[in-house]
Amino acid sequence: ASYYGSFVKGRFTVSGDNAKMTLILQMNSLKPEDTAIY
């Protein structure tokens, strides 16, 4: 299962391999308010 913060609204997609502990965050339609340290 994957979960998202309420502000994401379909713009981001999380994927990865928990067994290998790798994680991807594809971020589309970025907004200035997305500016942050991730």
Full PDB file with SEQRES, HELIX, SHEET, SSBOND, CRYST1, ORIGX, SCALE, CONECT and MASTER records, all heavy atoms in Angstrom:
SEQRES   1 A   38  ALA SER TYR TYR GLY SER PHE VAL LYS GLY ARG PHE THR          
SEQRES   2 A   38  VAL SER GLY ASP ASN ALA LYS MET THR LEU ILE LEU GLN          
SEQRES   3 A   38  MET ASN SER LEU LYS PRO GLU ASP THR ALA ILE TYR              
HELIX    1 AA1 PRO A   32  ASP A   34  5                                   3    
SHEET    1 AA1 2 PHE A  12  ASP A  17  0                                        
SHEET    2 AA1 2 THR A  22  MET A  27 -1                                        
CRYST1    1.000    1.000    1.000  90.00  90.00  90.00 P 1           1          
ORIGX1      1.000000  0.000000  0.000000        0.00000                         
ORIGX2      0.000000  1.000000  0.000000        0.00000                         
ORIGX3      0.000000  0.000000  1.000000        0.00000                         
SCALE1      1.000000  0.000000  0.000000        0.00000                         
SCALE2      0.000000  1.000000  0.000000        0.00000                         
SCALE3      0.000000  0.000000  1.000000        0.00000                         
ATOM      1  N   ALA A   1       0.839  -1.198   0.000  1.00  0.00           N  
ATOM      2  CA  ALA A   1       0.000   0.000   0.000  1.00  0.00           C  
ATOM      3  C   ALA A   1       0.872   1.246   0.000  1.00  0.00           C  
ATOM      4  O   ALA A   1       1.965   1.264   0.572  1.00  0.00           O  
ATOM      5  CB  ALA A   1      -0.890   0.006   1.231  1.00  0.00           C  
ATOM      6  N   SER A   2       0.378   2.285  -0.650  1.00  0.00           N  
ATOM      7  CA  SER A   2       1.057   3.571  -0.644  1.00  0.00           C  
ATOM      8  C   SER A   2       0.119   4.636  -0.095  1.00  0.00           C  
ATOM      9  O   SER A   2      -1.109   4.522  -0.224  1.00  0.00           O  
ATOM     10  CB  SER A   2       1.532   3.943  -2.060  1.00  0.00           C  
ATOM     11  OG  SER A   2       0.440   3.956  -2.953  1.00  0.00           O  
ATOM     12  N   TYR A   3       0.717   5.634   0.514  1.00  0.00           N  
ATOM     13  CA  TYR A   3      -0.045   6.679   1.176  1.00  0.00           C  
ATOM     14  C   TYR A   3       0.556   8.033   0.811  1.00  0.00           C  
ATOM     15  O   TYR A   3       1.758   8.143   0.581  1.00  0.00           O  
ATOM     16  CB  TYR A   3      -0.003   6.495   2.693  1.00  0.00           C  
ATOM     17  CG  TYR A   3      -0.367   5.105   3.153  1.00  0.00           C  
ATOM     18  CD1 TYR A   3       0.623   4.157   3.370  1.00  0.00           C  
ATOM     19  CD2 TYR A   3      -1.691   4.746   3.353  1.00  0.00           C  
ATOM     20  CE1 TYR A   3       0.303   2.878   3.787  1.00  0.00           C  
ATOM     21  CE2 TYR A   3      -2.024   3.471   3.775  1.00  0.00           C  
ATOM     22  CZ  TYR A   3      -1.020   2.532   3.995  1.00  0.00           C  
ATOM     23  OH  TYR A   3      -1.342   1.263   4.392  1.00  0.00           O  
ATOM     24  N   TYR A   4      -0.284   9.076   0.816  1.00  0.00           N  
ATOM     25  CA  TYR A   4       0.171  10.406   0.431  1.00  0.00           C  
ATOM     26  C   TYR A   4      -0.385  11.467   1.359  1.00  0.00           C  
ATOM     27  O   TYR A   4      -1.484  11.328   1.902  1.00  0.00           O  
ATOM     28  CB  TYR A   4      -0.267  10.716  -1.003  1.00  0.00           C  
ATOM     29  CG  TYR A   4       0.353   9.804  -2.033  1.00  0.00           C  
ATOM     30  CD1 TYR A   4      -0.291   8.646  -2.430  1.00  0.00           C  
ATOM     31  CD2 TYR A   4       1.597  10.103  -2.581  1.00  0.00           C  
ATOM     32  CE1 TYR A   4       0.287   7.789  -3.368  1.00  0.00           C  
ATOM     33  CE2 TYR A   4       2.184   9.263  -3.513  1.00  0.00           C  
ATOM     34  CZ  TYR A   4       1.515   8.108  -3.899  1.00  0.00           C  
ATOM     35  OH  TYR A   4       2.102   7.271  -4.815  1.00  0.00           O  
ATOM     36  N   GLY A   5       0.381  12.535   1.497  1.00  0.00           N  
ATOM     37  CA  GLY A   5      -0.108  13.684   2.213  1.00  0.00           C  
ATOM     38  C   GLY A   5      -1.254  14.333   1.439  1.00  0.00           C  
ATOM     39  O   GLY A   5      -1.330  14.213   0.211  1.00  0.00           O  
ATOM     40  N   SER A   6      -2.123  15.024   2.149  1.00  0.00           N  
ATOM     41  CA  SER A   6      -3.330  15.578   1.525  1.00  0.00           C  
ATOM     42  C   SER A   6      -3.011  16.614   0.450  1.00  0.00           C  
ATOM     43  O   SER A   6      -3.793  16.815  -0.474  1.00  0.00           O  
ATOM     44  CB  SER A   6      -4.231  16.201   2.590  1.00  0.00           C  
ATOM     45  OG  SER A   6      -3.523  17.212   3.291  1.00  0.00           O  
ATOM     46  N   PHE A   7      -1.851  17.255   0.549  1.00  0.00           N  
ATOM     47  CA  PHE A   7      -1.508  18.293  -0.408  1.00  0.00           C  
ATOM     48  C   PHE A   7      -1.043  17.723  -1.751  1.00  0.00           C  
ATOM     49  O   PHE A   7      -0.967  18.422  -2.742  1.00  0.00           O  
ATOM     50  CB  PHE A   7      -0.376  19.172   0.152  1.00  0.00           C  
ATOM     51  CG  PHE A   7       0.923  18.432   0.315  1.00  0.00           C  
ATOM     52  CD1 PHE A   7       1.833  18.382  -0.725  1.00  0.00           C  
ATOM     53  CD2 PHE A   7       1.224  17.762   1.485  1.00  0.00           C  
ATOM     54  CE1 PHE A   7       3.029  17.689  -0.604  1.00  0.00           C  
ATOM     55  CE2 PHE A   7       2.412  17.063   1.631  1.00  0.00           C  
ATOM     56  CZ  PHE A   7       3.315  17.026   0.577  1.00  0.00           C  
ATOM     57  N   VAL A   8      -0.741  16.428  -1.800  1.00  0.00           N  
ATOM     58  CA  VAL A   8      -0.173  15.841  -3.013  1.00  0.00           C  
ATOM     59  C   VAL A   8      -1.169  15.881  -4.172  1.00  0.00           C  
ATOM     60  O   VAL A   8      -0.824  16.246  -5.289  1.00  0.00           O  
ATOM     61  CB  VAL A   8       0.293  14.400  -2.746  1.00  0.00           C  
ATOM     62  CG1 VAL A   8       0.675  13.707  -4.051  1.00  0.00           C  
ATOM     63  CG2 VAL A   8       1.466  14.398  -1.779  1.00  0.00           C  
ATOM     64  N   LYS A   9      -2.403  15.479  -3.923  1.00  0.00           N  
ATOM     65  CA  LYS A   9      -3.477  15.574  -4.906  1.00  0.00           C  
ATOM     66  C   LYS A   9      -3.082  15.000  -6.269  1.00  0.00           C  
ATOM     67  O   LYS A   9      -3.284  15.633  -7.310  1.00  0.00           O  
ATOM     68  CB  LYS A   9      -3.943  17.017  -5.048  1.00  0.00           C  
ATOM     69  CG  LYS A   9      -4.641  17.552  -3.800  1.00  0.00           C  
ATOM     70  CD  LYS A   9      -5.085  18.974  -3.969  1.00  0.00           C  
ATOM     71  CE  LYS A   9      -6.014  19.430  -2.872  1.00  0.00           C  
ATOM     72  NZ  LYS A   9      -5.560  19.205  -1.510  1.00  0.00           N  
ATOM     73  N   GLY A  10      -2.507  13.793  -6.261  1.00  0.00           N  
ATOM     74  CA  GLY A  10      -2.225  13.087  -7.495  1.00  0.00           C  
ATOM     75  C   GLY A  10      -0.984  13.550  -8.233  1.00  0.00           C  
ATOM     76  O   GLY A  10      -0.670  13.043  -9.304  1.00  0.00           O  
ATOM     77  N   ARG A  11      -0.244  14.491  -7.689  1.00  0.00           N  
ATOM     78  CA  ARG A  11       0.928  15.023  -8.388  1.00  0.00           C  
ATOM     79  C   ARG A  11       2.180  14.174  -8.185  1.00  0.00           C  
ATOM     80  O   ARG A  11       3.090  14.186  -9.015  1.00  0.00           O  
ATOM     81  CB  ARG A  11       1.192  16.451  -7.915  1.00  0.00           C  
ATOM     82  CG  ARG A  11       0.053  17.409  -8.178  1.00  0.00           C  
ATOM     83  CD  ARG A  11       0.415  18.826  -7.728  1.00  0.00           C  
ATOM     84  NE  ARG A  11       0.663  18.887  -6.296  1.00  0.00           N  
ATOM     85  CZ  ARG A  11       1.766  19.416  -5.755  1.00  0.00           C  
ATOM     86  NH1 ARG A  11       2.709  19.921  -6.528  1.00  0.00           N  
ATOM     87  NH2 ARG A  11       1.920  19.443  -4.444  1.00  0.00           N  
ATOM     88  N   PHE A  12       2.261  13.461  -7.091  1.00  0.00           N  
ATOM     89  CA  PHE A  12       3.443  12.681  -6.750  1.00  0.00           C  
ATOM     90  C   PHE A  12       3.117  11.192  -6.789  1.00  0.00           C  
ATOM     91  O   PHE A  12       1.986  10.774  -6.510  1.00  0.00           O  
ATOM     92  CB  PHE A  12       3.952  13.012  -5.347  1.00  0.00           C  
ATOM     93  CG  PHE A  12       4.367  14.435  -5.125  1.00  0.00           C  
ATOM     94  CD1 PHE A  12       4.736  14.862  -3.857  1.00  0.00           C  
ATOM     95  CD2 PHE A  12       4.397  15.368  -6.159  1.00  0.00           C  
ATOM     96  CE1 PHE A  12       5.118  16.167  -3.618  1.00  0.00           C  
ATOM     97  CE2 PHE A  12       4.790  16.678  -5.952  1.00  0.00           C  
ATOM     98  CZ  PHE A  12       5.140  17.077  -4.661  1.00  0.00           C  
ATOM     99  N   THR A  13       4.141  10.393  -7.089  1.00  0.00           N  
ATOM    100  CA  THR A  13       4.011   8.942  -7.047  1.00  0.00           C  
ATOM    101  C   THR A  13       5.202   8.358  -6.305  1.00  0.00           C  
ATOM    102  O   THR A  13       6.353   8.642  -6.651  1.00  0.00           O  
ATOM    103  CB  THR A  13       3.952   8.354  -8.461  1.00  0.00           C  
ATOM    104  OG1 THR A  13       2.857   8.921  -9.189  1.00  0.00           O  
ATOM    105  CG2 THR A  13       3.754   6.840  -8.390  1.00  0.00           C  
ATOM    106  N   VAL A  14       4.920   7.540  -5.309  1.00  0.00           N  
ATOM    107  CA  VAL A  14       5.982   6.896  -4.536  1.00  0.00           C  
ATOM    108  C   VAL A  14       6.078   5.435  -4.975  1.00  0.00           C  
ATOM    109  O   VAL A  14       5.071   4.779  -5.221  1.00  0.00           O  
ATOM    110  CB  VAL A  14       5.729   7.009  -3.017  1.00  0.00           C  
ATOM    111  CG1 VAL A  14       4.466   6.268  -2.603  1.00  0.00           C  
ATOM    112  CG2 VAL A  14       6.933   6.514  -2.237  1.00  0.00           C  
ATOM    113  N   SER A  15       7.305   4.962  -5.081  1.00  0.00           N  
ATOM    114  CA  SER A  15       7.535   3.565  -5.440  1.00  0.00           C  
ATOM    115  C   SER A  15       8.857   3.133  -4.828  1.00  0.00           C  
ATOM    116  O   SER A  15       9.647   3.959  -4.363  1.00  0.00           O  
ATOM    117  CB  SER A  15       7.563   3.386  -6.957  1.00  0.00           C  
ATOM    118  OG  SER A  15       8.598   4.158  -7.536  1.00  0.00           O  
ATOM    119  N   GLY A  16       9.092   1.840  -4.838  1.00  0.00           N  
ATOM    120  CA  GLY A  16      10.349   1.381  -4.299  1.00  0.00           C  
ATOM    121  C   GLY A  16      10.332  -0.088  -3.956  1.00  0.00           C  
ATOM    122  O   GLY A  16       9.386  -0.803  -4.273  1.00  0.00           O  
ATOM    123  N   ASP A  17      11.397  -0.509  -3.346  1.00  0.00           N  
ATOM    124  CA  ASP A  17      11.575  -1.899  -2.938  1.00  0.00           C  
ATOM    125  C   ASP A  17      11.948  -1.884  -1.463  1.00  0.00           C  
ATOM    126  O   ASP A  17      13.104  -1.615  -1.121  1.00  0.00           O  
ATOM    127  CB  ASP A  17      12.666  -2.554  -3.795  1.00  0.00           C  
ATOM    128  CG  ASP A  17      12.798  -4.033  -3.523  1.00  0.00           C  
ATOM    129  OD1 ASP A  17      12.524  -4.478  -2.391  1.00  0.00           O  
ATOM    130  OD2 ASP A  17      13.215  -4.755  -4.445  1.00  0.00           O  
ATOM    131  N   ASN A  18      10.990  -2.170  -0.608  1.00  0.00           N  
ATOM    132  CA  ASN A  18      11.261  -2.101   0.827  1.00  0.00           C  
ATOM    133  C   ASN A  18      12.288  -3.142   1.265  1.00  0.00           C  
ATOM    134  O   ASN A  18      13.031  -2.909   2.220  1.00  0.00           O  
ATOM    135  CB  ASN A  18       9.970  -2.273   1.616  1.00  0.00           C  
ATOM    136  CG  ASN A  18       9.080  -1.059   1.529  1.00  0.00           C  
ATOM    137  OD1 ASN A  18       9.024  -0.399   0.499  1.00  0.00           O  
ATOM    138  ND2 ASN A  18       8.354  -0.752   2.586  1.00  0.00           N  
ATOM    139  N   ALA A  19      12.327  -4.273   0.584  1.00  0.00           N  
ATOM    140  CA  ALA A  19      13.299  -5.307   0.942  1.00  0.00           C  
ATOM    141  C   ALA A  19      14.720  -4.815   0.702  1.00  0.00           C  
ATOM    142  O   ALA A  19      15.631  -5.090   1.478  1.00  0.00           O  
ATOM    143  CB  ALA A  19      13.035  -6.569   0.140  1.00  0.00           C  
ATOM    144  N   LYS A  20      14.919  -4.069  -0.378  1.00  0.00           N  
ATOM    145  CA  LYS A  20      16.237  -3.520  -0.688  1.00  0.00           C  
ATOM    146  C   LYS A  20      16.411  -2.127  -0.089  1.00  0.00           C  
ATOM    147  O   LYS A  20      17.487  -1.542  -0.201  1.00  0.00           O  
ATOM    148  CB  LYS A  20      16.436  -3.453  -2.204  1.00  0.00           C  
ATOM    149  CG  LYS A  20      16.418  -4.810  -2.889  1.00  0.00           C  
ATOM    150  CD  LYS A  20      16.616  -4.660  -4.391  1.00  0.00           C  
ATOM    151  CE  LYS A  20      16.602  -6.013  -5.077  1.00  0.00           C  
ATOM    152  NZ  LYS A  20      16.760  -5.881  -6.557  1.00  0.00           N  
ATOM    153  N   MET A  21      15.362  -1.594   0.487  1.00  0.00           N  
ATOM    154  CA  MET A  21      15.373  -0.258   1.081  1.00  0.00           C  
ATOM    155  C   MET A  21      15.764   0.794   0.059  1.00  0.00           C  
ATOM    156  O   MET A  21      16.684   1.604   0.269  1.00  0.00           O  
ATOM    157  CB  MET A  21      16.275  -0.218   2.315  1.00  0.00           C  
ATOM    158  CG  MET A  21      15.749  -1.105   3.435  1.00  0.00           C  
ATOM    159  SD  MET A  21      16.735  -1.042   4.956  1.00  0.00           S  
ATOM    160  CE  MET A  21      16.265   0.581   5.567  1.00  0.00           C  
ATOM    161  N   THR A  22      15.078   0.767  -1.057  1.00  0.00           N  
ATOM    162  CA  THR A  22      15.210   1.820  -2.064  1.00  0.00           C  
ATOM    163  C   THR A  22      13.842   2.467  -2.255  1.00  0.00           C  
ATOM    164  O   THR A  22      12.815   1.805  -2.151  1.00  0.00           O  
ATOM    165  CB  THR A  22      15.715   1.274  -3.406  1.00  0.00           C  
ATOM    166  OG1 THR A  22      14.786   0.295  -3.896  1.00  0.00           O  
ATOM    167  CG2 THR A  22      17.085   0.632  -3.251  1.00  0.00           C  
ATOM    168  N   LEU A  23      13.857   3.753  -2.520  1.00  0.00           N  
ATOM    169  CA  LEU A  23      12.605   4.497  -2.594  1.00  0.00           C  
ATOM    170  C   LEU A  23      12.718   5.576  -3.650  1.00  0.00           C  
ATOM    171  O   LEU A  23      13.773   6.193  -3.809  1.00  0.00           O  
ATOM    172  CB  LEU A  23      12.288   5.122  -1.234  1.00  0.00           C  
ATOM    173  CG  LEU A  23      10.859   5.553  -0.946  1.00  0.00           C  
ATOM    174  CD1 LEU A  23       9.925   4.356  -0.949  1.00  0.00           C  
ATOM    175  CD2 LEU A  23      10.800   6.261   0.398  1.00  0.00           C  
ATOM    176  N   ILE A  24      11.648   5.774  -4.384  1.00  0.00           N  
ATOM    177  CA  ILE A  24      11.584   6.785  -5.429  1.00  0.00           C  
ATOM    178  C   ILE A  24      10.384   7.682  -5.164  1.00  0.00           C  
ATOM    179  O   ILE A  24       9.328   7.208  -4.738  1.00  0.00           O  
ATOM    180  CB  ILE A  24      11.414   6.143  -6.823  1.00  0.00           C  
ATOM    181  CG1 ILE A  24      12.580   5.204  -7.146  1.00  0.00           C  
ATOM    182  CG2 ILE A  24      11.268   7.216  -7.898  1.00  0.00           C  
ATOM    183  CD1 ILE A  24      13.884   5.909  -7.381  1.00  0.00           C  
ATOM    184  N   LEU A  25      10.544   8.953  -5.428  1.00  0.00           N  
ATOM    185  CA  LEU A  25       9.415   9.888  -5.387  1.00  0.00           C  
ATOM    186  C   LEU A  25       9.416  10.669  -6.698  1.00  0.00           C  
ATOM    187  O   LEU A  25      10.289  11.498  -6.926  1.00  0.00           O  
ATOM    188  CB  LEU A  25       9.511  10.836  -4.196  1.00  0.00           C  
ATOM    189  CG  LEU A  25       8.306  11.778  -4.041  1.00  0.00           C  
ATOM    190  CD1 LEU A  25       7.052  10.981  -3.658  1.00  0.00           C  
ATOM    191  CD2 LEU A  25       8.583  12.842  -2.982  1.00  0.00           C  
ATOM    192  N   GLN A  26       8.456  10.373  -7.541  1.00  0.00           N  
ATOM    193  CA  GLN A  26       8.284  11.111  -8.794  1.00  0.00           C  
ATOM    194  C   GLN A  26       7.342  12.279  -8.522  1.00  0.00           C  
ATOM    195  O   GLN A  26       6.200  12.060  -8.119  1.00  0.00           O  
ATOM    196  CB  GLN A  26       7.715  10.206  -9.882  1.00  0.00           C  
ATOM    197  CG  GLN A  26       7.435  10.911 -11.192  1.00  0.00           C  
ATOM    198  CD  GLN A  26       8.698  11.410 -11.873  1.00  0.00           C  
ATOM    199  OE1 GLN A  26       9.702  10.706 -11.932  1.00  0.00           O  
ATOM    200  NE2 GLN A  26       8.646  12.634 -12.389  1.00  0.00           N  
ATOM    201  N   MET A  27       7.840  13.481  -8.733  1.00  0.00           N  
ATOM    202  CA  MET A  27       7.049  14.670  -8.437  1.00  0.00           C  
ATOM    203  C   MET A  27       6.774  15.421  -9.728  1.00  0.00           C  
ATOM    204  O   MET A  27       7.704  15.835 -10.432  1.00  0.00           O  
ATOM    205  CB  MET A  27       7.803  15.569  -7.455  1.00  0.00           C  
ATOM    206  CG  MET A  27       8.162  14.881  -6.152  1.00  0.00           C  
ATOM    207  SD  MET A  27       8.853  16.005  -4.917  1.00  0.00           S  
ATOM    208  CE  MET A  27      10.385  16.472  -5.720  1.00  0.00           C  
ATOM    209  N   ASN A  28       5.514  15.591 -10.043  1.00  0.00           N  
ATOM    210  CA  ASN A  28       5.085  16.311 -11.237  1.00  0.00           C  
ATOM    211  C   ASN A  28       4.271  17.537 -10.837  1.00  0.00           C  
ATOM    212  O   ASN A  28       3.822  17.643  -9.696  1.00  0.00           O  
ATOM    213  CB  ASN A  28       4.247  15.403 -12.139  1.00  0.00           C  
ATOM    214  CG  ASN A  28       5.008  14.179 -12.599  1.00  0.00           C  
ATOM    215  OD1 ASN A  28       6.207  14.219 -12.855  1.00  0.00           O  
ATOM    216  ND2 ASN A  28       4.293  13.064 -12.713  1.00  0.00           N  
ATOM    217  N   SER A  29       4.079  18.425 -11.783  1.00  0.00           N  
ATOM    218  CA  SER A  29       3.280  19.635 -11.542  1.00  0.00           C  
ATOM    219  C   SER A  29       3.721  20.344 -10.273  1.00  0.00           C  
ATOM    220  O   SER A  29       2.893  20.735  -9.433  1.00  0.00           O  
ATOM    221  CB  SER A  29       1.788  19.275 -11.461  1.00  0.00           C  
ATOM    222  OG  SER A  29       1.355  18.638 -12.644  1.00  0.00           O  
ATOM    223  N   LEU A  30       5.011  20.517 -10.129  1.00  0.00           N  
ATOM    224  CA  LEU A  30       5.544  21.131  -8.916  1.00  0.00           C  
ATOM    225  C   LEU A  30       5.134  22.585  -8.784  1.00  0.00           C  
ATOM    226  O   LEU A  30       4.990  23.303  -9.792  1.00  0.00           O  
ATOM    227  CB  LEU A  30       7.065  20.997  -8.900  1.00  0.00           C  
ATOM    228  CG  LEU A  30       7.562  19.594  -8.534  1.00  0.00           C  
ATOM    229  CD1 LEU A  30       9.017  19.418  -8.934  1.00  0.00           C  
ATOM    230  CD2 LEU A  30       7.377  19.344  -7.047  1.00  0.00           C  
ATOM    231  N   LYS A  31       4.957  23.002  -7.544  1.00  0.00           N  
ATOM    232  CA  LYS A  31       4.543  24.359  -7.221  1.00  0.00           C  
ATOM    233  C   LYS A  31       5.603  25.005  -6.334  1.00  0.00           C  
ATOM    234  O   LYS A  31       6.333  24.300  -5.653  1.00  0.00           O  
ATOM    235  CB  LYS A  31       3.207  24.331  -6.479  1.00  0.00           C  
ATOM    236  CG  LYS A  31       2.110  23.582  -7.189  1.00  0.00           C  
ATOM    237  CD  LYS A  31       0.866  23.491  -6.303  1.00  0.00           C  
ATOM    238  CE  LYS A  31      -0.235  22.694  -6.967  1.00  0.00           C  
ATOM    239  NZ  LYS A  31      -1.434  22.583  -6.092  1.00  0.00           N  
ATOM    240  N   PRO A  32       5.667  26.325  -6.305  1.00  0.00           N  
ATOM    241  CA  PRO A  32       6.637  26.982  -5.413  1.00  0.00           C  
ATOM    242  C   PRO A  32       6.485  26.550  -3.959  1.00  0.00           C  
ATOM    243  O   PRO A  32       7.487  26.459  -3.232  1.00  0.00           O  
ATOM    244  CB  PRO A  32       6.310  28.463  -5.602  1.00  0.00           C  
ATOM    245  CG  PRO A  32       5.784  28.560  -6.997  1.00  0.00           C  
ATOM    246  CD  PRO A  32       4.992  27.291  -7.186  1.00  0.00           C  
ATOM    247  N   GLU A  33       5.274  26.243  -3.535  1.00  0.00           N  
ATOM    248  CA  GLU A  33       5.069  25.815  -2.148  1.00  0.00           C  
ATOM    249  C   GLU A  33       5.604  24.410  -1.867  1.00  0.00           C  
ATOM    250  O   GLU A  33       5.603  23.966  -0.724  1.00  0.00           O  
ATOM    251  CB  GLU A  33       3.582  25.901  -1.760  1.00  0.00           C  
ATOM    252  CG  GLU A  33       2.636  25.229  -2.734  1.00  0.00           C  
ATOM    253  CD  GLU A  33       2.041  26.202  -3.735  1.00  0.00           C  
ATOM    254  OE1 GLU A  33       2.801  27.062  -4.270  1.00  0.00           O  
ATOM    255  OE2 GLU A  33       0.835  26.100  -3.997  1.00  0.00           O  
ATOM    256  N   ASP A  34       6.045  23.710  -2.889  1.00  0.00           N  
ATOM    257  CA  ASP A  34       6.698  22.414  -2.697  1.00  0.00           C  
ATOM    258  C   ASP A  34       8.174  22.575  -2.344  1.00  0.00           C  
ATOM    259  O   ASP A  34       8.857  21.583  -2.055  1.00  0.00           O  
ATOM    260  CB  ASP A  34       6.579  21.555  -3.960  1.00  0.00           C  
ATOM    261  CG  ASP A  34       5.154  21.137  -4.261  1.00  0.00           C  
ATOM    262  OD1 ASP A  34       4.440  20.776  -3.310  1.00  0.00           O  
ATOM    263  OD2 ASP A  34       4.763  21.181  -5.439  1.00  0.00           O  
ATOM    264  N   THR A  35       8.666  23.787  -2.363  1.00  0.00           N  
ATOM    265  CA  THR A  35      10.056  24.045  -2.019  1.00  0.00           C  
ATOM    266  C   THR A  35      10.329  23.645  -0.577  1.00  0.00           C  
ATOM    267  O   THR A  35       9.641  24.093   0.341  1.00  0.00           O  
ATOM    268  CB  THR A  35      10.394  25.533  -2.218  1.00  0.00           C  
ATOM    269  OG1 THR A  35      10.283  25.859  -3.604  1.00  0.00           O  
ATOM    270  CG2 THR A  35      11.803  25.837  -1.733  1.00  0.00           C  
ATOM    271  N   ALA A  36      11.313  22.764  -0.392  1.00  0.00           N  
ATOM    272  CA  ALA A  36      11.627  22.248   0.946  1.00  0.00           C  
ATOM    273  C   ALA A  36      12.826  21.315   0.834  1.00  0.00           C  
ATOM    274  O   ALA A  36      13.264  20.969  -0.273  1.00  0.00           O  
ATOM    275  CB  ALA A  36      10.441  21.492   1.525  1.00  0.00           C  
ATOM    276  N   ILE A  37      13.304  20.900   1.968  1.00  0.00           N  
ATOM    277  CA  ILE A  37      14.264  19.795   2.016  1.00  0.00           C  
ATOM    278  C   ILE A  37      13.437  18.514   2.146  1.00  0.00           C  
ATOM    279  O   ILE A  37      12.568  18.423   3.020  1.00  0.00           O  
ATOM    280  CB  ILE A  37      15.234  19.929   3.195  1.00  0.00           C  
ATOM    281  CG1 ILE A  37      16.065  21.206   3.045  1.00  0.00           C  
ATOM    282  CG2 ILE A  37      16.154  18.708   3.263  1.00  0.00           C  
ATOM    283  CD1 ILE A  37      16.974  21.481   4.229  1.00  0.00           C  
ATOM    284  N   TYR A  38      13.715  17.564   1.282  1.00  0.00           N  
ATOM    285  CA  TYR A  38      12.986  16.304   1.276  1.00  0.00           C  
ATOM    286  C   TYR A  38      13.849  15.215   1.906  1.00  0.00           C  
ATOM    287  O   TYR A  38      15.001  15.026   1.527  1.00  0.00           O  
ATOM    288  CB  TYR A  38      12.587  15.929  -0.150  1.00  0.00           C  
ATOM    289  CG  TYR A  38      11.415  16.736  -0.651  1.00  0.00           C  
ATOM    290  CD1 TYR A  38      11.562  18.100  -0.919  1.00  0.00           C  
ATOM    291  CD2 TYR A  38      10.172  16.160  -0.839  1.00  0.00           C  
ATOM    292  CE1 TYR A  38      10.487  18.854  -1.361  1.00  0.00           C  
ATOM    293  CE2 TYR A  38       9.089  16.908  -1.283  1.00  0.00           C  
ATOM    294  CZ  TYR A  38       9.249  18.250  -1.538  1.00  0.00           C  
ATOM    295  OH  TYR A  38       8.183  18.997  -1.972  1.00  0.00           O  
TER     296      TYR A  38                                                      
MASTER        0    0    0    1    2    0    0    6  295    1    0    3          
END                                                                             
